[in-house]
PDB file of N, CA and C in Angstrom:
ATOM      1  N   MET A   1     -39.131  43.501  54.059  1.00  0.00           N
ATOM      2  CA  MET A   1     -40.138  42.970  53.154  1.00  0.00           C
ATOM      3  C   MET A   1     -39.465  41.917  52.272  1.00  0.00           C
ATOM      4  N   SER A   2     -40.146  40.835  52.070  1.00  0.00           N
ATOM      5  CA  SER A   2     -39.622  39.717  51.288  1.00  0.00           C
ATOM      6  C   SER A   2     -40.274  39.687  49.905  1.00  0.00           C
ATOM      7  N   VAL A   3     -39.818  38.760  49.077  1.00  0.00           N
ATOM      8  CA  VAL A   3     -40.437  38.563  47.766  1.00  0.00           C
ATOM      9  C   VAL A   3     -41.912  38.217  47.950  1.00  0.00           C
ATOM     10  N   GLU A   4     -42.197  37.376  48.945  1.00  0.00           N
ATOM     11  CA  GLU A   4     -43.595  36.995  49.220  1.00  0.00           C
ATOM     12  C   GLU A   4     -44.427  38.214  49.628  1.00  0.00           C
ATOM     13  N   ALA A   5     -43.853  39.111  50.403  1.00  0.00           N
ATOM     14  CA  ALA A   5     -44.569  40.328  50.817  1.00  0.00           C
ATOM     15  C   ALA A   5     -44.842  41.227  49.611  1.00  0.00           C
ATOM     16  N   ILE A   6     -43.893  41.312  48.689  1.00  0.00           N
ATOM     17  CA  ILE A   6     -44.115  42.089  47.466  1.00  0.00           C
ATOM     18  C   ILE A   6     -45.214  41.445  46.639  1.00  0.00           C
ATOM     19  N   GLN A   7     -45.201  40.126  46.559  1.00  0.00           N
ATOM     20  CA  GLN A   7     -46.251  39.399  45.837  1.00  0.00           C
ATOM     21  C   GLN A   7     -47.622  39.718  46.444  1.00  0.00           C
ATOM     22  N   ASN A   8     -47.712  39.685  47.759  1.00  0.00           N
ATOM     23  CA  ASN A   8     -48.976  39.981  48.440  1.00  0.00           C
ATOM     24  C   ASN A   8     -49.409  41.424  48.214  1.00  0.00           C
ATOM     25  N   LYS A   9     -48.472  42.358  48.261  1.00  0.00           N
ATOM     26  CA  LYS A   9     -48.781  43.778  48.053  1.00  0.00           C
ATOM     27  C   LYS A   9     -49.308  44.005  46.638  1.00  0.00           C
ATOM     28  N   LEU A  10     -48.675  43.394  45.642  1.00  0.00           N
ATOM     29  CA  LEU A  10     -49.132  43.544  44.258  1.00  0.00           C
ATOM     30  C   LEU A  10     -50.513  42.906  44.066  1.00  0.00           C
ATOM     31  N   THR A  11     -50.740  41.769  44.704  1.00  0.00           N
ATOM     32  CA  THR A  11     -52.053  41.126  44.637  1.00  0.00           C
ATOM     33  C   THR A  11     -53.114  42.059  45.211  1.00  0.00           C
ATOM     34  N   GLU A  12     -52.791  42.702  46.321  1.00  0.00           N
ATOM     35  CA  GLU A  12     -53.703  43.653  46.958  1.00  0.00           C
ATOM     36  C   GLU A  12     -53.952  44.864  46.043  1.00  0.00           C
ATOM     37  N   LEU A  13     -52.900  45.395  45.443  1.00  0.00           N
ATOM     38  CA  LEU A  13     -53.044  46.557  44.566  1.00  0.00           C
ATOM     39  C   LEU A  13     -53.886  46.238  43.335  1.00  0.00           C
ATOM     40  N   LEU A  14     -53.723  45.036  42.791  1.00  0.00           N
ATOM     41  CA  LEU A  14     -54.497  44.654  41.613  1.00  0.00           C
ATOM     42  C   LEU A  14     -55.957  44.430  41.975  1.00  0.00           C
ATOM     43  N   GLY A  15     -56.187  43.941  43.207  1.00  0.00           N
ATOM     44  CA  GLY A  15     -57.536  43.751  43.719  1.00  0.00           C
ATOM     45  C   GLY A  15     -58.460  43.089  42.729  1.00  0.00           C
ATOM     46  N   SER A  16     -59.655  43.615  42.643  1.00  0.00           N
ATOM     47  CA  SER A  16     -60.646  43.056  41.726  1.00  0.00           C
ATOM     48  C   SER A  16     -60.693  43.852  40.429  1.00  0.00           C
ATOM     49  N   GLY A  17     -59.686  44.686  40.201  1.00  0.00           N
ATOM     50  CA  GLY A  17     -59.631  45.479  38.977  1.00  0.00           C
ATOM     51  C   GLY A  17     -59.357  44.619  37.761  1.00  0.00           C
ATOM     52  N   SER A  18     -59.151  45.249  36.643  1.00  0.00           N
ATOM     53  CA  SER A  18     -58.951  44.518  35.390  1.00  0.00           C
ATOM     54  C   SER A  18     -57.536  43.962  35.264  1.00  0.00           C
ATOM     55  N   GLY A  19     -56.621  44.396  36.117  1.00  0.00           N
ATOM     56  CA  GLY A  19     -55.255  43.894  36.078  1.00  0.00           C
ATOM     57  C   GLY A  19     -54.486  44.443  34.889  1.00  0.00           C
ATOM     58  N   LEU A  20     -53.423  43.759  34.537  1.00  0.00           N
ATOM     59  CA  LEU A  20     -52.609  44.158  33.385  1.00  0.00           C
ATOM     60  C   LEU A  20     -53.082  43.386  32.161  1.00  0.00           C
ATOM     61  N   ASP A  21     -53.047  44.024  31.016  1.00  0.00           N
ATOM     62  CA  ASP A  21     -53.437  43.320  29.783  1.00  0.00           C
ATOM     63  C   ASP A  21     -52.209  42.707  29.124  1.00  0.00           C
ATOM     64  N   GLY A  22     -51.451  42.002  29.930  1.00  0.00           N
ATOM     65  CA  GLY A  22     -50.234  41.343  29.482  1.00  0.00           C
ATOM     66  C   GLY A  22     -49.512  40.785  30.689  1.00  0.00           C
ATOM     67  N   SER A  23     -48.214  40.548  30.533  1.00  0.00           N
ATOM     68  CA  SER A  23     -47.446  39.976  31.639  1.00  0.00           C
ATOM     69  C   SER A  23     -46.209  40.817  31.929  1.00  0.00           C
ATOM     70  N   LEU A  24     -45.850  40.827  33.189  1.00  0.00           N
ATOM     71  CA  LEU A  24     -44.725  41.619  33.674  1.00  0.00           C
ATOM     72  C   LEU A  24     -44.013  40.825  34.755  1.00  0.00           C
ATOM     73  N   LYS A  25     -42.692  40.795  34.667  1.00  0.00           N
ATOM     74  CA  LYS A  25     -41.904  40.064  35.665  1.00  0.00           C
ATOM     75  C   LYS A  25     -40.936  41.031  36.322  1.00  0.00           C
ATOM     76  N   MET A  26     -40.804  40.937  37.631  1.00  0.00           N
ATOM     77  CA  MET A  26     -39.805  41.688  38.388  1.00  0.00           C
ATOM     78  C   MET A  26     -38.777  40.689  38.892  1.00  0.00           C
ATOM     79  N   LYS A  27     -37.523  40.878  38.460  1.00  0.00           N
ATOM     80  CA  LYS A  27     -36.438  39.989  38.896  1.00  0.00           C
ATOM     81  C   LYS A  27     -35.596  40.716  39.931  1.00  0.00           C
ATOM     82  N   PHE A  28     -35.422  40.071  41.071  1.00  0.00           N
ATOM     83  CA  PHE A  28     -34.672  40.647  42.194  1.00  0.00           C
ATOM     84  C   PHE A  28     -33.322  39.970  42.350  1.00  0.00           C
ATOM     85  N   GLY A  29     -32.660  39.661  41.255  1.00  0.00           N
ATOM     86  CA  GLY A  29     -31.383  38.961  41.320  1.00  0.00           C
ATOM     87  C   GLY A  29     -31.559  37.586  41.940  1.00  0.00           C
ATOM     88  N   ASP A  30     -30.669  37.218  42.850  1.00  0.00           N
ATOM     89  CA  ASP A  30     -30.738  35.908  43.493  1.00  0.00           C
ATOM     90  C   ASP A  30     -31.885  35.796  44.487  1.00  0.00           C
ATOM     91  N   ALA A  31     -32.531  36.926  44.845  1.00  0.00           N
ATOM     92  CA  ALA A  31     -33.599  36.916  45.841  1.00  0.00           C
ATOM     93  C   ALA A  31     -34.898  36.315  45.309  1.00  0.00           C
ATOM     94  N   GLY A  32     -35.091  36.332  43.990  1.00  0.00           N
ATOM     95  CA  GLY A  32     -36.300  35.732  43.442  1.00  0.00           C
ATOM     96  C   GLY A  32     -36.970  36.572  42.372  1.00  0.00           C
ATOM     97  N   VAL A  33     -38.203  36.191  42.077  1.00  0.00           N
ATOM     98  CA  VAL A  33     -38.979  36.767  40.981  1.00  0.00           C
ATOM     99  C   VAL A  33     -40.430  36.908  41.405  1.00  0.00           C
ATOM    100  N   VAL A  34     -41.074  37.965  40.912  1.00  0.00           N
ATOM    101  CA  VAL A  34     -42.528  38.101  41.016  1.00  0.00           C
ATOM    102  C   VAL A  34     -43.032  38.348  39.602  1.00  0.00           C
ATOM    103  N   ARG A  35     -44.070  37.627  39.203  1.00  0.00           N
ATOM    104  CA  ARG A  35     -44.618  37.742  37.845  1.00  0.00           C
ATOM    105  C   ARG A  35     -46.106  38.064  37.929  1.00  0.00           C
ATOM    106  N   ILE A  36     -46.518  39.058  37.143  1.00  0.00           N
ATOM    107  CA  ILE A  36     -47.921  39.461  37.075  1.00  0.00           C
ATOM    108  C   ILE A  36     -48.438  39.128  35.685  1.00  0.00           C
ATOM    109  N   GLU A  37     -49.578  38.458  35.637  1.00  0.00           N
ATOM    110  CA  GLU A  37     -50.282  38.248  34.365  1.00  0.00           C
ATOM    111  C   GLU A  37     -51.755  38.459  34.650  1.00  0.00           C
ATOM    112  N   GLY A  38     -52.310  39.517  34.048  1.00  0.00           N
ATOM    113  CA  GLY A  38     -53.696  39.874  34.345  1.00  0.00           C
ATOM    114  C   GLY A  38     -53.805  40.326  35.788  1.00  0.00           C
ATOM    115  N   THR A  39     -54.583  39.595  36.581  1.00  0.00           N
ATOM    116  CA  THR A  39     -54.705  39.903  38.012  1.00  0.00           C
ATOM    117  C   THR A  39     -53.974  38.882  38.880  1.00  0.00           C
ATOM    118  N   GLU A  40     -53.320  37.914  38.249  1.00  0.00           N
ATOM    119  CA  GLU A  40     -52.622  36.865  38.985  1.00  0.00           C
ATOM    120  C   GLU A  40     -51.168  37.250  39.232  1.00  0.00           C
ATOM    121  N   VAL A  41     -50.732  37.115  40.479  1.00  0.00           N
ATOM    122  CA  VAL A  41     -49.353  37.422  40.858  1.00  0.00           C
ATOM    123  C   VAL A  41     -48.722  36.138  41.416  1.00  0.00           C
ATOM    124  N   THR A  42     -47.638  35.697  40.770  1.00  0.00           N
ATOM    125  CA  THR A  42     -46.978  34.456  41.179  1.00  0.00           C
ATOM    126  C   THR A  42     -45.478  34.689  41.329  1.00  0.00           C
ATOM    127  N   THR A  43     -44.771  33.639  41.711  1.00  0.00           N
ATOM    128  CA  THR A  43     -43.315  33.687  41.761  1.00  0.00           C
ATOM    129  C   THR A  43     -42.723  32.799  40.670  1.00  0.00           C
ATOM    130  N   ASP A  44     -43.492  32.584  39.602  1.00  0.00           N
ATOM    131  CA  ASP A  44     -43.025  31.779  38.464  1.00  0.00           C
ATOM    132  C   ASP A  44     -42.010  32.565  37.645  1.00  0.00           C
ATOM    133  N   ASP A  45     -40.899  31.952  37.341  1.00  0.00           N
ATOM    134  CA  ASP A  45     -39.867  32.599  36.530  1.00  0.00           C
ATOM    135  C   ASP A  45     -40.029  32.169  35.076  1.00  0.00           C
ATOM    136  N   THR A  46     -41.180  32.524  34.489  1.00  0.00           N
ATOM    137  CA  THR A  46     -41.443  32.219  33.088  1.00  0.00           C
ATOM    138  C   THR A  46     -41.405  33.513  32.281  1.00  0.00           C
ATOM    139  N   ASP A  47     -41.348  33.377  30.961  1.00  0.00           N
ATOM    140  CA  ASP A  47     -41.266  34.544  30.085  1.00  0.00           C
ATOM    141  C   ASP A  47     -42.415  35.515  30.333  1.00  0.00           C
ATOM    142  N   ALA A  48     -42.143  36.801  30.101  1.00  0.00           N
ATOM    143  CA  ALA A  48     -43.146  37.854  30.261  1.00  0.00           C
ATOM    144  C   ALA A  48     -42.949  38.891  29.167  1.00  0.00           C
ATOM    145  N   ASP A  49     -43.966  39.721  28.949  1.00  0.00           N
ATOM    146  CA  ASP A  49     -43.882  40.790  27.950  1.00  0.00           C
ATOM    147  C   ASP A  49     -42.782  41.783  28.299  1.00  0.00           C
ATOM    148  N   ALA A  50     -42.570  42.001  29.595  1.00  0.00           N
ATOM    149  CA  ALA A  50     -41.522  42.909  30.069  1.00  0.00           C
ATOM    150  C   ALA A  50     -40.924  42.340  31.349  1.00  0.00           C
ATOM    151  N   THR A  51     -39.633  42.570  31.508  1.00  0.00           N
ATOM    152  CA  THR A  51     -38.944  42.152  32.730  1.00  0.00           C
ATOM    153  C   THR A  51     -38.261  43.360  33.330  1.00  0.00           C
ATOM    154  N   ILE A  52     -38.545  43.605  34.596  1.00  0.00           N
ATOM    155  CA  ILE A  52     -37.909  44.692  35.333  1.00  0.00           C
ATOM    156  C   ILE A  52     -36.839  44.057  36.220  1.00  0.00           C
ATOM    157  N   ASN A  53     -35.602  44.485  36.044  1.00  0.00           N
ATOM    158  CA  ASN A  53     -34.489  44.011  36.864  1.00  0.00           C
ATOM    159  C   ASN A  53     -34.214  45.069  37.924  1.00  0.00           C
ATOM    160  N   ILE A  54     -34.347  44.678  39.183  1.00  0.00           N
ATOM    161  CA  ILE A  54     -34.210  45.617  40.299  1.00  0.00           C
ATOM    162  C   ILE A  54     -33.778  44.850  41.541  1.00  0.00           C
ATOM    163  N   SER A  55     -33.036  45.494  42.416  1.00  0.00           N
ATOM    164  CA  SER A  55     -32.661  44.832  43.666  1.00  0.00           C
ATOM    165  C   SER A  55     -33.897  44.720  44.555  1.00  0.00           C
ATOM    166  N   LEU A  56     -33.884  43.733  45.430  1.00  0.00           N
ATOM    167  CA  LEU A  56     -35.004  43.554  46.353  1.00  0.00           C
ATOM    168  C   LEU A  56     -35.164  44.797  47.227  1.00  0.00           C
ATOM    169  N   GLU A  57     -34.049  45.366  47.659  1.00  0.00           N
ATOM    170  CA  GLU A  57     -34.078  46.560  48.508  1.00  0.00           C
ATOM    171  C   GLU A  57     -34.772  47.731  47.792  1.00  0.00           C
ATOM    172  N   ASP A  58     -34.422  47.958  46.520  1.00  0.00           N
ATOM    173  CA  ASP A  58     -35.042  49.052  45.776  1.00  0.00           C
ATOM    174  C   ASP A  58     -36.510  48.749  45.459  1.00  0.00           C
ATOM    175  N   ALA A  59     -36.832  47.486  45.223  1.00  0.00           N
ATOM    176  CA  ALA A  59     -38.230  47.108  44.983  1.00  0.00           C
ATOM    177  C   ALA A  59     -39.078  47.370  46.220  1.00  0.00           C
ATOM    178  N   VAL A  60     -38.531  47.060  47.384  1.00  0.00           N
ATOM    179  CA  VAL A  60     -39.244  47.332  48.636  1.00  0.00           C
ATOM    180  C   VAL A  60     -39.488  48.834  48.777  1.00  0.00           C
ATOM    181  N   ALA A  61     -38.479  49.632  48.499  1.00  0.00           N
ATOM    182  CA  ALA A  61     -38.629  51.091  48.582  1.00  0.00           C
ATOM    183  C   ALA A  61     -39.716  51.572  47.616  1.00  0.00           C
ATOM    184  N   MET A  62     -39.786  50.975  46.429  1.00  0.00           N
ATOM    185  CA  MET A  62     -40.838  51.336  45.471  1.00  0.00           C
ATOM    186  C   MET A  62     -42.216  50.959  46.011  1.00  0.00           C
ATOM    187  N   MET A  63     -42.334  49.762  46.560  1.00  0.00           N
ATOM    188  CA  MET A  63     -43.618  49.292  47.091  1.00  0.00           C
ATOM    189  C   MET A  63     -44.095  50.158  48.251  1.00  0.00           C
ATOM    190  N   GLU A  64     -43.154  50.669  49.030  1.00  0.00           N
ATOM    191  CA  GLU A  64     -43.504  51.487  50.195  1.00  0.00           C
ATOM    192  C   GLU A  64     -43.674  52.962  49.843  1.00  0.00           C
ATOM    193  N   GLY A  65     -43.462  53.300  48.553  1.00  0.00           N
ATOM    194  CA  GLY A  65     -43.635  54.676  48.116  1.00  0.00           C
ATOM    195  C   GLY A  65     -42.442  55.570  48.382  1.00  0.00           C
ATOM    196  N   ASP A  66     -41.315  54.984  48.777  1.00  0.00           N
ATOM    197  CA  ASP A  66     -40.114  55.761  49.068  1.00  0.00           C
ATOM    198  C   ASP A  66     -39.206  55.945  47.851  1.00  0.00           C
ATOM    199  N   LEU A  67     -39.490  55.221  46.769  1.00  0.00           N
ATOM    200  CA  LEU A  67     -38.700  55.320  45.547  1.00  0.00           C
ATOM    201  C   LEU A  67     -39.657  55.392  44.366  1.00  0.00           C
ATOM    202  N   ASN A  68     -39.598  56.490  43.633  1.00  0.00           N
ATOM    203  CA  ASN A  68     -40.425  56.671  42.447  1.00  0.00           C
ATOM    204  C   ASN A  68     -39.880  55.784  41.330  1.00  0.00           C
ATOM    205  N   PRO A  69     -40.742  54.970  40.688  1.00  0.00           N
ATOM    206  CA  PRO A  69     -40.274  54.070  39.631  1.00  0.00           C
ATOM    207  C   PRO A  69     -39.554  54.794  38.490  1.00  0.00           C
ATOM    208  N   THR A  70     -40.052  55.949  38.078  1.00  0.00           N
ATOM    209  CA  THR A  70     -39.415  56.700  36.987  1.00  0.00           C
ATOM    210  C   THR A  70     -38.026  57.173  37.405  1.00  0.00           C
ATOM    211  N   MET A  71     -37.922  57.675  38.636  1.00  0.00           N
ATOM    212  CA  MET A  71     -36.614  58.113  39.132  1.00  0.00           C
ATOM    213  C   MET A  71     -35.648  56.934  39.264  1.00  0.00           C
ATOM    214  N   ALA A  72     -36.162  55.797  39.706  1.00  0.00           N
ATOM    215  CA  ALA A  72     -35.322  54.603  39.829  1.00  0.00           C
ATOM    216  C   ALA A  72     -34.751  54.218  38.466  1.00  0.00           C
ATOM    217  N   PHE A  73     -35.584  54.309  37.434  1.00  0.00           N
ATOM    218  CA  PHE A  73     -35.131  54.008  36.080  1.00  0.00           C
ATOM    219  C   PHE A  73     -34.059  54.998  35.644  1.00  0.00           C
ATOM    220  N   MET A  74     -34.313  56.273  35.872  1.00  0.00           N
ATOM    221  CA  MET A  74     -33.377  57.315  35.453  1.00  0.00           C
ATOM    222  C   MET A  74     -32.059  57.235  36.220  1.00  0.00           C
ATOM    223  N   GLN A  75     -32.098  56.744  37.458  1.00  0.00           N
ATOM    224  CA  GLN A  75     -30.898  56.619  38.280  1.00  0.00           C
ATOM    225  C   GLN A  75     -30.171  55.291  38.046  1.00  0.00           C
ATOM    226  N   GLY A  76     -30.720  54.459  37.167  1.00  0.00           N
ATOM    227  CA  GLY A  76     -30.093  53.177  36.877  1.00  0.00           C
ATOM    228  C   GLY A  76     -30.332  52.118  37.935  1.00  0.00           C
ATOM    229  N   LYS A  77     -31.296  52.346  38.816  1.00  0.00           N
ATOM    230  CA  LYS A  77     -31.594  51.370  39.867  1.00  0.00           C
ATOM    231  C   LYS A  77     -32.466  50.234  39.346  1.00  0.00           C
ATOM    232  N   LEU A  78     -33.077  50.447  38.189  1.00  0.00           N
ATOM    233  CA  LEU A  78     -33.831  49.378  37.552  1.00  0.00           C
ATOM    234  C   LEU A  78     -33.644  49.471  36.050  1.00  0.00           C
ATOM    235  N   SER A  79     -33.755  48.332  35.403  1.00  0.00           N
ATOM    236  CA  SER A  79     -33.694  48.283  33.947  1.00  0.00           C
ATOM    237  C   SER A  79     -34.883  47.477  33.450  1.00  0.00           C
ATOM    238  N   VAL A  80     -35.255  47.730  32.211  1.00  0.00           N
ATOM    239  CA  VAL A  80     -36.414  47.060  31.629  1.00  0.00           C
ATOM    240  C   VAL A  80     -35.993  46.349  30.353  1.00  0.00           C
ATOM    241  N   ASP A  81     -36.336  45.079  30.269  1.00  0.00           N
ATOM    242  CA  ASP A  81     -36.157  44.300  29.048  1.00  0.00           C
ATOM    243  C   ASP A  81     -37.544  44.014  28.494  1.00  0.00           C
ATOM    244  N   GLY A  82     -37.744  44.290  27.213  1.00  0.00           N
ATOM    245  CA  GLY A  82     -39.036  44.003  26.597  1.00  0.00           C
ATOM    246  C   GLY A  82     -39.896  45.244  26.479  1.00  0.00           C
ATOM    247  N   ASN A  83     -41.193  45.076  26.641  1.00  0.00           N
ATOM    248  CA  ASN A  83     -42.200  46.100  26.412  1.00  0.00           C
ATOM    249  C   ASN A  83     -42.180  47.182  27.502  1.00  0.00           C
ATOM    250  N   MET A  84     -41.635  48.342  27.169  1.00  0.00           N
ATOM    251  CA  MET A  84     -41.542  49.443  28.140  1.00  0.00           C
ATOM    252  C   MET A  84     -42.931  49.904  28.586  1.00  0.00           C
ATOM    253  N   GLY A  85     -43.907  49.868  27.686  1.00  0.00           N
ATOM    254  CA  GLY A  85     -45.272  50.259  28.039  1.00  0.00           C
ATOM    255  C   GLY A  85     -45.846  49.399  29.151  1.00  0.00           C
ATOM    256  N   MET A  86     -45.530  48.117  29.127  1.00  0.00           N
ATOM    257  CA  MET A  86     -46.007  47.205  30.178  1.00  0.00           C
ATOM    258  C   MET A  86     -45.356  47.575  31.509  1.00  0.00           C
ATOM    259  N   ALA A  87     -44.077  47.933  31.476  1.00  0.00           N
ATOM    260  CA  ALA A  87     -43.388  48.347  32.696  1.00  0.00           C
ATOM    261  C   ALA A  87     -44.007  49.628  33.259  1.00  0.00           C
ATOM    262  N   MET A  88     -44.425  50.531  32.379  1.00  0.00           N
ATOM    263  CA  MET A  88     -45.057  51.783  32.823  1.00  0.00           C
ATOM    264  C   MET A  88     -46.382  51.515  33.527  1.00  0.00           C
ATOM    265  N   LYS A  89     -47.043  50.430  33.172  1.00  0.00           N
ATOM    266  CA  LYS A  89     -48.307  50.081  33.832  1.00  0.00           C
ATOM    267  C   LYS A  89     -48.072  49.767  35.302  1.00  0.00           C
ATOM    268  N   LEU A  90     -46.917  49.187  35.625  1.00  0.00           N
ATOM    269  CA  LEU A  90     -46.593  48.953  37.037  1.00  0.00           C
ATOM    270  C   LEU A  90     -46.424  50.276  37.753  1.00  0.00           C
ATOM    271  N   SER A  91     -45.746  51.210  37.119  1.00  0.00           N
ATOM    272  CA  SER A  91     -45.569  52.532  37.710  1.00  0.00           C
ATOM    273  C   SER A  91     -46.927  53.182  37.991  1.00  0.00           C
ATOM    274  N   ASN A  92     -47.846  53.074  37.041  1.00  0.00           N
ATOM    275  CA  ASN A  92     -49.187  53.635  37.228  1.00  0.00           C
ATOM    276  C   ASN A  92     -49.916  52.946  38.363  1.00  0.00           C
ATOM    277  N   LEU A  93     -49.747  51.635  38.478  1.00  0.00           N
ATOM    278  CA  LEU A  93     -50.383  50.872  39.539  1.00  0.00           C
ATOM    279  C   LEU A  93     -49.875  51.328  40.913  1.00  0.00           C
ATOM    280  N   LEU A  94     -48.574  51.557  41.011  1.00  0.00           N
ATOM    281  CA  LEU A  94     -47.983  51.967  42.281  1.00  0.00           C
ATOM    282  C   LEU A  94     -48.345  53.396  42.644  1.00  0.00           C
ATOM    283  N   ASP A  95     -48.620  54.224  41.637  1.00  0.00           N
ATOM    284  CA  ASP A  95     -48.980  55.628  41.892  1.00  0.00           C
ATOM    285  C   ASP A  95     -50.406  55.788  42.384  1.00  0.00           C
ATOM    286  N   ASP A  96     -51.263  54.798  42.122  1.00  0.00           N
ATOM    287  CA  ASP A  96     -52.680  54.905  42.533  1.00  0.00           C
ATOM    288  C   ASP A  96     -52.857  54.882  44.021  1.00  0.00           C
TER     289      ASP A  96
END
């Protein structure tokens, strides 16, 4: 799965729902970035309310349901800069 595939998966998950009431960025190191604002998912590397730093490999595992976001955080596989509540909204989105 690529950054583009993660972008597409998040777009699908957000669907026609209300989206996030803020912005969230996932940084995959040198592999790229995915940014969510409302229901829009882009690869823009602009400021966000929260930034999740995670490897592309671990992000793929999260998207496929093989890695629980909370466990990834506790295991140090991801870190959050900024609004932790916004990061938790991604976890809730993936759990649905």
